[in-house]
């Protein structure tokens, strides 16, 4: 099964974020608490966590990318 980790809603006024650091690459193992990326919104840095256990199947965004809320960041192949 596959889970797509997307940019969550951080607040009503935030419609997009910048991927400042991507901590994972394709093939990396992750669990619920693994930080996959650091994102910047309104000059605040926030951590984006995998939220599941598995392996990174695809990285959809590069560092420096401007990504809208709801867009994919990484895909995780889960054990479920």
PDB file of N, CA and C in Angstrom:
ATOM      1  N   UNK A   1       0.836  -1.175   0.000  1.00  0.00           N
ATOM      2  CA  UNK A   1       0.000   0.000   0.000  1.00  0.00           C
ATOM      3  C   UNK A   1       0.887   1.247   0.000  1.00  0.00           C
ATOM      4  N   UNK A   2       0.346   2.345  -0.467  1.00  0.00           N
ATOM      5  CA  UNK A   2       1.106   3.588  -0.554  1.00  0.00           C
ATOM      6  C   UNK A   2       0.383   4.699   0.206  1.00  0.00           C
ATOM      7  N   UNK A   3       1.182   5.472   0.949  1.00  0.00           N
ATOM      8  CA  UNK A   3       0.649   6.671   1.597  1.00  0.00           C
ATOM      9  C   UNK A   3       1.388   7.866   1.027  1.00  0.00           C
ATOM     10  N   UNK A   4       0.641   8.866   0.623  1.00  0.00           N
ATOM     11  CA  UNK A   4       1.245  10.090   0.122  1.00  0.00           C
ATOM     12  C   UNK A   4       1.223  11.126   1.242  1.00  0.00           C
ATOM     13  N   UNK A   5       2.407  11.583   1.617  1.00  0.00           N
ATOM     14  CA  UNK A   5       2.541  12.610   2.651  1.00  0.00           C
ATOM     15  C   UNK A   5       2.430  13.964   1.952  1.00  0.00           C
ATOM     16  N   UNK A   6       1.443  14.740   2.359  1.00  0.00           N
ATOM     17  CA  UNK A   6       1.178  16.030   1.724  1.00  0.00           C
ATOM     18  C   UNK A   6       1.468  17.177   2.687  1.00  0.00           C
ATOM     19  N   UNK A   7       1.494  18.378   2.147  1.00  0.00           N
ATOM     20  CA  UNK A   7       1.638  19.570   2.980  1.00  0.00           C
ATOM     21  C   UNK A   7       0.319  19.770   3.724  1.00  0.00           C
ATOM     22  N   UNK A   8       0.344  19.720   5.057  1.00  0.00           N
ATOM     23  CA  UNK A   8      -0.892  19.895   5.820  1.00  0.00           C
ATOM     24  C   UNK A   8      -1.297  21.358   5.923  1.00  0.00           C
ATOM     25  N   UNK A   9      -2.496  21.587   6.391  1.00  0.00           N
ATOM     26  CA  UNK A   9      -2.946  22.954   6.671  1.00  0.00           C
ATOM     27  C   UNK A   9      -2.338  23.384   7.996  1.00  0.00           C
ATOM     28  N   UNK A  10      -1.523  24.421   7.968  1.00  0.00           N
ATOM     29  CA  UNK A  10      -0.882  24.929   9.179  1.00  0.00           C
ATOM     30  C   UNK A  10      -1.668  26.091   9.776  1.00  0.00           C
ATOM     31  N   UNK A  11      -2.553  26.653   9.027  1.00  0.00           N
ATOM     32  CA  UNK A  11      -3.345  27.780   9.488  1.00  0.00           C
ATOM     33  C   UNK A  11      -4.110  28.350   8.316  1.00  0.00           C
ATOM     34  N   UNK A  12      -5.136  29.090   8.638  1.00  0.00           N
ATOM     35  CA  UNK A  12      -6.020  29.626   7.615  1.00  0.00           C
ATOM     36  C   UNK A  12      -5.308  30.504   6.589  1.00  0.00           C
ATOM     37  N   UNK A  13      -4.315  31.259   7.032  1.00  0.00           N
ATOM     38  CA  UNK A  13      -3.637  32.207   6.149  1.00  0.00           C
ATOM     39  C   UNK A  13      -2.486  31.585   5.364  1.00  0.00           C
ATOM     40  N   UNK A  14      -2.108  30.348   5.675  1.00  0.00           N
ATOM     41  CA  UNK A  14      -0.974  29.717   5.009  1.00  0.00           C
ATOM     42  C   UNK A  14      -1.486  28.850   3.860  1.00  0.00           C
ATOM     43  N   UNK A  15      -1.129  29.224   2.642  1.00  0.00           N
ATOM     44  CA  UNK A  15      -1.587  28.478   1.460  1.00  0.00           C
ATOM     45  C   UNK A  15      -0.451  27.723   0.784  1.00  0.00           C
ATOM     46  N   UNK A  16       0.791  28.094   1.103  1.00  0.00           N
ATOM     47  CA  UNK A  16       1.943  27.403   0.534  1.00  0.00           C
ATOM     48  C   UNK A  16       3.128  27.508   1.487  1.00  0.00           C
ATOM     49  N   UNK A  17       4.063  26.580   1.310  1.00  0.00           N
ATOM     50  CA  UNK A  17       5.273  26.543   2.130  1.00  0.00           C
ATOM     51  C   UNK A  17       6.475  26.332   1.218  1.00  0.00           C
ATOM     52  N   UNK A  18       7.639  26.587   1.766  1.00  0.00           N
ATOM     53  CA  UNK A  18       8.883  26.281   1.052  1.00  0.00           C
ATOM     54  C   UNK A  18       9.524  25.068   1.697  1.00  0.00           C
ATOM     55  N   UNK A  19       9.954  24.103   0.895  1.00  0.00           N
ATOM     56  CA  UNK A  19      10.709  22.958   1.419  1.00  0.00           C
ATOM     57  C   UNK A  19      12.126  23.461   1.680  1.00  0.00           C
ATOM     58  N   UNK A  20      12.472  23.661   2.940  1.00  0.00           N
ATOM     59  CA  UNK A  20      13.802  24.204   3.242  1.00  0.00           C
ATOM     60  C   UNK A  20      14.848  23.097   3.338  1.00  0.00           C
ATOM     61  N   UNK A  21      14.474  21.937   3.913  1.00  0.00           N
ATOM     62  CA  UNK A  21      15.392  20.799   4.018  1.00  0.00           C
ATOM     63  C   UNK A  21      14.595  19.522   3.788  1.00  0.00           C
ATOM     64  N   UNK A  22      15.104  18.656   2.905  1.00  0.00           N
ATOM     65  CA  UNK A  22      14.510  17.334   2.705  1.00  0.00           C
ATOM     66  C   UNK A  22      15.431  16.350   3.414  1.00  0.00           C
ATOM     67  N   UNK A  23      14.909  15.641   4.403  1.00  0.00           N
ATOM     68  CA  UNK A  23      15.739  14.761   5.216  1.00  0.00           C
ATOM     69  C   UNK A  23      15.787  13.329   4.705  1.00  0.00           C
ATOM     70  N   UNK A  24      14.950  12.960   3.746  1.00  0.00           N
ATOM     71  CA  UNK A  24      14.894  11.583   3.267  1.00  0.00           C
ATOM     72  C   UNK A  24      15.162  11.521   1.770  1.00  0.00           C
ATOM     73  N   UNK A  25      15.504  10.316   1.322  1.00  0.00           N
ATOM     74  CA  UNK A  25      15.658  10.058  -0.104  1.00  0.00           C
ATOM     75  C   UNK A  25      14.960   8.729  -0.409  1.00  0.00           C
ATOM     76  N   UNK A  26      14.758   8.452  -1.684  1.00  0.00           N
ATOM     77  CA  UNK A  26      14.091   7.221  -2.074  1.00  0.00           C
ATOM     78  C   UNK A  26      14.837   6.012  -1.515  1.00  0.00           C
ATOM     79  N   UNK A  27      14.067   5.073  -0.943  1.00  0.00           N
ATOM     80  CA  UNK A  27      14.634   3.870  -0.351  1.00  0.00           C
ATOM     81  C   UNK A  27      14.852   3.952   1.147  1.00  0.00           C
ATOM     82  N   UNK A  28      14.809   5.146   1.731  1.00  0.00           N
ATOM     83  CA  UNK A  28      14.990   5.301   3.181  1.00  0.00           C
ATOM     84  C   UNK A  28      13.816   4.696   3.934  1.00  0.00           C
ATOM     85  N   UNK A  29      14.099   4.083   5.074  1.00  0.00           N
ATOM     86  CA  UNK A  29      13.050   3.580   5.963  1.00  0.00           C
ATOM     87  C   UNK A  29      12.573   4.713   6.862  1.00  0.00           C
ATOM     88  N   UNK A  30      11.256   4.755   7.102  1.00  0.00           N
ATOM     89  CA  UNK A  30      10.665   5.769   7.977  1.00  0.00           C
ATOM     90  C   UNK A  30       9.660   5.119   8.906  1.00  0.00           C
ATOM     91  N   UNK A  31       9.355   5.820  10.007  1.00  0.00           N
ATOM     92  CA  UNK A  31       8.257   5.419  10.879  1.00  0.00           C
ATOM     93  C   UNK A  31       7.392   6.647  11.158  1.00  0.00           C
ATOM     94  N   UNK A  32       6.394   6.483  12.008  1.00  0.00           N
ATOM     95  CA  UNK A  32       5.438   7.561  12.267  1.00  0.00           C
ATOM     96  C   UNK A  32       6.097   8.887  12.599  1.00  0.00           C
ATOM     97  N   UNK A  33       7.169   8.851  13.389  1.00  0.00           N
ATOM     98  CA  UNK A  33       7.784  10.077  13.892  1.00  0.00           C
ATOM     99  C   UNK A  33       8.959  10.592  13.054  1.00  0.00           C
ATOM    100  N   UNK A  34       9.286   9.920  11.968  1.00  0.00           N
ATOM    101  CA  UNK A  34      10.406  10.367  11.143  1.00  0.00           C
ATOM    102  C   UNK A  34      10.078  11.717  10.492  1.00  0.00           C
ATOM    103  N   UNK A  35      10.985  12.666  10.670  1.00  0.00           N
ATOM    104  CA  UNK A  35      10.828  13.970  10.016  1.00  0.00           C
ATOM    105  C   UNK A  35      11.332  13.807   8.589  1.00  0.00           C
ATOM    106  N   UNK A  36      10.442  13.994   7.614  1.00  0.00           N
ATOM    107  CA  UNK A  36      10.837  13.842   6.211  1.00  0.00           C
ATOM    108  C   UNK A  36      11.323  15.156   5.611  1.00  0.00           C
ATOM    109  N   UNK A  37      10.808  16.276   6.125  1.00  0.00           N
ATOM    110  CA  UNK A  37      11.215  17.576   5.591  1.00  0.00           C
ATOM    111  C   UNK A  37      10.979  18.664   6.625  1.00  0.00           C
ATOM    112  N   UNK A  38      11.720  19.746   6.462  1.00  0.00           N
ATOM    113  CA  UNK A  38      11.465  20.968   7.212  1.00  0.00           C
ATOM    114  C   UNK A  38      10.888  21.961   6.221  1.00  0.00           C
ATOM    115  N   UNK A  39       9.776  22.577   6.607  1.00  0.00           N
ATOM    116  CA  UNK A  39       9.125  23.539   5.717  1.00  0.00           C
ATOM    117  C   UNK A  39       9.084  24.905   6.386  1.00  0.00           C
ATOM    118  N   UNK A  40       9.103  25.939   5.550  1.00  0.00           N
ATOM    119  CA  UNK A  40       9.031  27.313   6.039  1.00  0.00           C
ATOM    120  C   UNK A  40       7.713  27.929   5.591  1.00  0.00           C
ATOM    121  N   UNK A  41       7.033  28.541   6.539  1.00  0.00           N
ATOM    122  CA  UNK A  41       5.797  29.267   6.237  1.00  0.00           C
ATOM    123  C   UNK A  41       5.759  30.492   7.133  1.00  0.00           C
ATOM    124  N   UNK A  42       5.550  31.648   6.544  1.00  0.00           N
ATOM    125  CA  UNK A  42       5.522  32.895   7.309  1.00  0.00           C
ATOM    126  C   UNK A  42       6.732  33.023   8.228  1.00  0.00           C
ATOM    127  N   UNK A  43       7.892  32.642   7.706  1.00  0.00           N
ATOM    128  CA  UNK A  43       9.172  32.749   8.407  1.00  0.00           C
ATOM    129  C   UNK A  43       9.290  31.848   9.626  1.00  0.00           C
ATOM    130  N   UNK A  44       8.395  30.866   9.757  1.00  0.00           N
ATOM    131  CA  UNK A  44       8.472  29.882  10.836  1.00  0.00           C
ATOM    132  C   UNK A  44       8.820  28.525  10.234  1.00  0.00           C
ATOM    133  N   UNK A  45       9.767  27.824  10.850  1.00  0.00           N
ATOM    134  CA  UNK A  45      10.150  26.490  10.388  1.00  0.00           C
ATOM    135  C   UNK A  45       9.309  25.446  11.117  1.00  0.00           C
ATOM    136  N   UNK A  46       8.807  24.483  10.348  1.00  0.00           N
ATOM    137  CA  UNK A  46       7.991  23.407  10.917  1.00  0.00           C
ATOM    138  C   UNK A  46       8.465  22.079  10.357  1.00  0.00           C
ATOM    139  N   UNK A  47       8.299  21.024  11.150  1.00  0.00           N
ATOM    140  CA  UNK A  47       8.698  19.692  10.724  1.00  0.00           C
ATOM    141  C   UNK A  47       7.510  18.964  10.104  1.00  0.00           C
ATOM    142  N   UNK A  48       7.766  18.282   9.004  1.00  0.00           N
ATOM    143  CA  UNK A  48       6.757  17.451   8.355  1.00  0.00           C
ATOM    144  C   UNK A  48       7.136  16.005   8.600  1.00  0.00           C
ATOM    145  N   UNK A  49       6.272  15.265   9.293  1.00  0.00           N
ATOM    146  CA  UNK A  49       6.560  13.875   9.674  1.00  0.00           C
ATOM    147  C   UNK A  49       5.886  12.894   8.723  1.00  0.00           C
ATOM    148  N   UNK A  50       6.458  11.688   8.650  1.00  0.00           N
ATOM    149  CA  UNK A  50       5.944  10.654   7.745  1.00  0.00           C
ATOM    150  C   UNK A  50       4.531  10.222   8.132  1.00  0.00           C
ATOM    151  N   UNK A  51       4.291   9.996   9.417  1.00  0.00           N
ATOM    152  CA  UNK A  51       2.963   9.582   9.861  1.00  0.00           C
ATOM    153  C   UNK A  51       2.623   8.138   9.552  1.00  0.00           C
ATOM    154  N   UNK A  52       3.618   7.352   9.121  1.00  0.00           N
ATOM    155  CA  UNK A  52       3.397   5.934   8.834  1.00  0.00           C
ATOM    156  C   UNK A  52       4.754   5.226   8.830  1.00  0.00           C
ATOM    157  N   UNK A  53       4.718   3.898   8.738  1.00  0.00           N
ATOM    158  CA  UNK A  53       5.942   3.103   8.703  1.00  0.00           C
ATOM    159  C   UNK A  53       6.095   2.482   7.321  1.00  0.00           C
ATOM    160  N   UNK A  54       7.299   2.568   6.778  1.00  0.00           N
ATOM    161  CA  UNK A  54       7.558   1.973   5.466  1.00  0.00           C
ATOM    162  C   UNK A  54       8.839   2.501   4.872  1.00  0.00           C
ATOM    163  N   UNK A  55       8.913   2.492   3.534  1.00  0.00           N
ATOM    164  CA  UNK A  55      10.088   2.982   2.812  1.00  0.00           C
ATOM    165  C   UNK A  55       9.665   4.099   1.867  1.00  0.00           C
ATOM    166  N   UNK A  56      10.524   5.111   1.742  1.00  0.00           N
ATOM    167  CA  UNK A  56      10.247   6.206   0.816  1.00  0.00           C
ATOM    168  C   UNK A  56      10.292   5.645  -0.608  1.00  0.00           C
ATOM    169  N   UNK A  57       9.167   5.751  -1.279  1.00  0.00           N
ATOM    170  CA  UNK A  57       9.044   5.246  -2.644  1.00  0.00           C
ATOM    171  C   UNK A  57       9.385   6.336  -3.670  1.00  0.00           C
ATOM    172  N   UNK A  58       8.961   7.570  -3.367  1.00  0.00           N
ATOM    173  CA  UNK A  58       9.226   8.674  -4.286  1.00  0.00           C
ATOM    174  C   UNK A  58       9.285   9.988  -3.511  1.00  0.00           C
ATOM    175  N   UNK A  59      10.249  10.816  -3.873  1.00  0.00           N
ATOM    176  CA  UNK A  59      10.341  12.178  -3.342  1.00  0.00           C
ATOM    177  C   UNK A  59       9.779  13.089  -4.429  1.00  0.00           C
ATOM    178  N   UNK A  60       8.685  13.772  -4.116  1.00  0.00           N
ATOM    179  CA  UNK A  60       7.988  14.593  -5.103  1.00  0.00           C
ATOM    180  C   UNK A  60       8.497  16.025  -5.180  1.00  0.00           C
ATOM    181  N   UNK A  61       9.175  16.497  -4.135  1.00  0.00           N
ATOM    182  CA  UNK A  61       9.599  17.901  -4.078  1.00  0.00           C
ATOM    183  C   UNK A  61      11.085  17.989  -3.761  1.00  0.00           C
ATOM    184  N   UNK A  62      11.723  19.014  -4.280  1.00  0.00           N
ATOM    185  CA  UNK A  62      13.138  19.267  -4.006  1.00  0.00           C
ATOM    186  C   UNK A  62      13.267  20.409  -3.001  1.00  0.00           C
ATOM    187  N   UNK A  63      14.426  20.491  -2.361  1.00  0.00           N
ATOM    188  CA  UNK A  63      14.692  21.614  -1.467  1.00  0.00           C
ATOM    189  C   UNK A  63      14.554  22.913  -2.244  1.00  0.00           C
ATOM    190  N   UNK A  64      13.909  23.889  -1.623  1.00  0.00           N
ATOM    191  CA  UNK A  64      13.701  25.180  -2.255  1.00  0.00           C
ATOM    192  C   UNK A  64      12.382  25.290  -3.001  1.00  0.00           C
ATOM    193  N   UNK A  65      11.691  24.175  -3.176  1.00  0.00           N
ATOM    194  CA  UNK A  65      10.417  24.197  -3.900  1.00  0.00           C
ATOM    195  C   UNK A  65       9.341  24.904  -3.083  1.00  0.00           C
ATOM    196  N   UNK A  66       8.484  25.641  -3.763  1.00  0.00           N
ATOM    197  CA  UNK A  66       7.311  26.255  -3.144  1.00  0.00           C
ATOM    198  C   UNK A  66       6.137  25.311  -3.427  1.00  0.00           C
ATOM    199  N   UNK A  67       5.514  24.831  -2.353  1.00  0.00           N
ATOM    200  CA  UNK A  67       4.504  23.779  -2.466  1.00  0.00           C
ATOM    201  C   UNK A  67       3.210  24.243  -1.802  1.00  0.00           C
ATOM    202  N   UNK A  68       2.109  24.040  -2.483  1.00  0.00           N
ATOM    203  CA  UNK A  68       0.801  24.435  -1.946  1.00  0.00           C
ATOM    204  C   UNK A  68       0.283  23.395  -0.957  1.00  0.00           C
ATOM    205  N   UNK A  69      -0.549  23.843  -0.030  1.00  0.00           N
ATOM    206  CA  UNK A  69      -1.201  22.956   0.929  1.00  0.00           C
ATOM    207  C   UNK A  69      -1.934  21.870   0.144  1.00  0.00           C
ATOM    208  N   UNK A  70      -1.744  20.620   0.575  1.00  0.00           N
ATOM    209  CA  UNK A  70      -2.405  19.480  -0.063  1.00  0.00           C
ATOM    210  C   UNK A  70      -1.580  18.801  -1.138  1.00  0.00           C
ATOM    211  N   UNK A  71      -0.500  19.444  -1.583  1.00  0.00           N
ATOM    212  CA  UNK A  71       0.337  18.824  -2.615  1.00  0.00           C
ATOM    213  C   UNK A  71       1.261  17.773  -1.998  1.00  0.00           C
ATOM    214  N   UNK A  72       1.618  16.743  -2.772  1.00  0.00           N
ATOM    215  CA  UNK A  72       2.470  15.676  -2.246  1.00  0.00           C
ATOM    216  C   UNK A  72       3.904  16.124  -2.021  1.00  0.00           C
ATOM    217  N   UNK A  73       4.504  15.581  -0.960  1.00  0.00           N
ATOM    218  CA  UNK A  73       5.917  15.819  -0.671  1.00  0.00           C
ATOM    219  C   UNK A  73       6.701  14.535  -0.909  1.00  0.00           C
ATOM    220  N   UNK A  74       6.254  13.433  -0.292  1.00  0.00           N
ATOM    221  CA  UNK A  74       6.853  12.119  -0.513  1.00  0.00           C
ATOM    222  C   UNK A  74       5.769  11.051  -0.543  1.00  0.00           C
ATOM    223  N   UNK A  75       6.083   9.928  -1.192  1.00  0.00           N
ATOM    224  CA  UNK A  75       5.219   8.754  -1.152  1.00  0.00           C
ATOM    225  C   UNK A  75       5.950   7.674  -0.353  1.00  0.00           C
ATOM    226  N   UNK A  76       5.203   6.973   0.516  1.00  0.00           N
ATOM    227  CA  UNK A  76       5.767   5.930   1.354  1.00  0.00           C
ATOM    228  C   UNK A  76       5.071   4.611   1.018  1.00  0.00           C
ATOM    229  N   UNK A  77       5.876   3.601   0.684  1.00  0.00           N
ATOM    230  CA  UNK A  77       5.347   2.247   0.511  1.00  0.00           C
ATOM    231  C   UNK A  77       5.238   1.641   1.904  1.00  0.00           C
ATOM    232  N   UNK A  78       4.012   1.391   2.344  1.00  0.00           N
ATOM    233  CA  UNK A  78       3.775   0.896   3.705  1.00  0.00           C
ATOM    234  C   UNK A  78       3.653  -0.615   3.708  1.00  0.00           C
ATOM    235  N   UNK A  79       3.725  -1.177   4.904  1.00  0.00           N
ATOM    236  CA  UNK A  79       3.609  -2.628   5.078  1.00  0.00           C
ATOM    237  C   UNK A  79       2.159  -3.090   5.130  1.00  0.00           C
ATOM    238  N   UNK A  80       1.227  -2.147   5.198  1.00  0.00           N
ATOM    239  CA  UNK A  80      -0.198  -2.506   5.328  1.00  0.00           C
ATOM    240  C   UNK A  80      -0.757  -3.049   4.031  1.00  0.00           C
TER     241      UNK A  80
END
